[in-house]
Amino acid sequence: MVISAQERLADVVAAAVEVAAEAGEAGTYTADLARTLTAVVGKVGARIAIDAETRGFSSGWSEAVAITAGGPAARS
């Protein structure tokens, strides 16, 4: 089963919100924690986006090669 980039990012954001909520309940939420969680979500989000773009490019490339070679994608 492949998880979509959108689902992966939603999981990361949900985890960050959960950490923030737990810190808020414990009285330990600070501006530094907010910046750290924001940085984590940003970095992971960037990695997810790059991975999705790379997968999209390689699948598109494979399709183009199959079409020019007269493979199965050419018949669809």
Protein backbone atom coordinates (compact mmCIF):
# COMPACT_ATOMS: atom_id res chain seq x y z
CA MET A 1 0.00 0.00 0.00
CA VAL A 2 1.37 3.37 -1.02
CA ILE A 3 0.53 6.38 1.11
CA SER A 4 0.00 9.58 -0.88
CA ALA A 5 2.12 12.65 -0.30
CA GLN A 6 -0.96 14.48 0.99
CA GLU A 7 -1.66 11.74 3.55
CA ARG A 8 1.98 11.69 4.68
CA LEU A 9 1.97 15.46 5.19
CA ALA A 10 -1.36 15.30 7.02
CA ASP A 11 0.15 12.71 9.39
CA VAL A 12 3.15 14.96 10.10
CA VAL A 13 0.94 18.00 10.76
CA ALA A 14 -1.36 15.95 12.99
CA ALA A 15 1.63 14.75 15.02
CA ALA A 16 2.94 18.31 15.39
CA VAL A 17 -0.48 19.53 16.55
CA GLU A 18 -0.68 16.65 19.02
CA VAL A 19 2.74 17.54 20.47
CA ALA A 20 1.71 21.20 20.72
CA ALA A 21 -1.55 20.28 22.46
CA GLU A 22 0.22 18.02 24.94
CA ALA A 23 2.79 20.74 25.67
CA GLY A 24 -0.03 23.25 26.15
CA GLU A 25 -1.81 20.96 28.61
CA ALA A 26 1.45 20.42 30.51
CA GLY A 27 2.17 24.16 30.56
CA THR A 28 5.44 23.71 28.66
CA TYR A 29 4.43 25.22 25.31
CA THR A 30 6.85 28.00 24.36
CA ALA A 31 7.66 30.11 21.33
CA ASP A 32 10.78 27.97 20.84
CA LEU A 33 8.66 24.84 20.69
CA ALA A 34 6.35 26.51 18.16
CA ARG A 35 9.33 27.46 15.97
CA THR A 36 10.76 23.94 16.25
CA LEU A 37 7.49 22.26 15.28
CA THR A 38 7.07 24.69 12.40
CA ALA A 39 10.58 23.90 11.17
CA VAL A 40 9.98 20.15 11.43
CA VAL A 41 6.73 20.35 9.45
CA GLY A 42 8.43 22.57 6.85
CA LYS A 43 11.43 20.29 6.40
CA VAL A 44 9.41 17.09 6.25
CA GLY A 45 6.90 18.76 3.93
CA ALA A 46 9.72 19.76 1.58
CA ARG A 47 11.07 16.21 1.56
CA ILE A 48 7.60 14.82 0.84
CA ALA A 49 7.13 17.28 -2.02
CA ILE A 50 10.50 16.43 -3.56
CA ASP A 51 9.78 12.71 -3.26
CA ALA A 52 6.36 13.15 -4.89
CA GLU A 53 7.85 15.19 -7.74
CA THR A 54 10.57 12.60 -8.29
CA ARG A 55 8.06 9.74 -8.36
CA GLY A 56 5.82 11.69 -10.71
CA PHE A 57 8.73 12.45 -13.04
CA SER A 58 9.98 8.86 -13.12
CA SER A 59 6.52 7.40 -13.76
CA GLY A 60 5.93 9.97 -16.50
CA TRP A 61 9.34 9.19 -17.97
CA SER A 62 8.58 5.45 -17.95
CA GLU A 63 5.27 6.10 -19.69
CA ALA A 64 6.94 8.25 -22.34
CA VAL A 65 9.57 5.57 -23.02
CA ALA A 66 6.86 2.89 -23.28
CA ILE A 67 4.89 5.02 -25.74
CA THR A 68 7.91 5.67 -27.97
CA ALA A 69 8.83 1.97 -27.82
CA GLY A 70 5.26 0.93 -28.69
CA GLY A 71 4.76 -0.71 -25.27
CA PRO A 72 1.55 -1.21 -23.29
CA ALA A 73 1.18 2.47 -22.41
CA ALA A 74 1.01 3.28 -26.12
CA ARG A 75 -2.19 1.24 -26.45
CA SER A 76 -4.05 2.87 -23.55
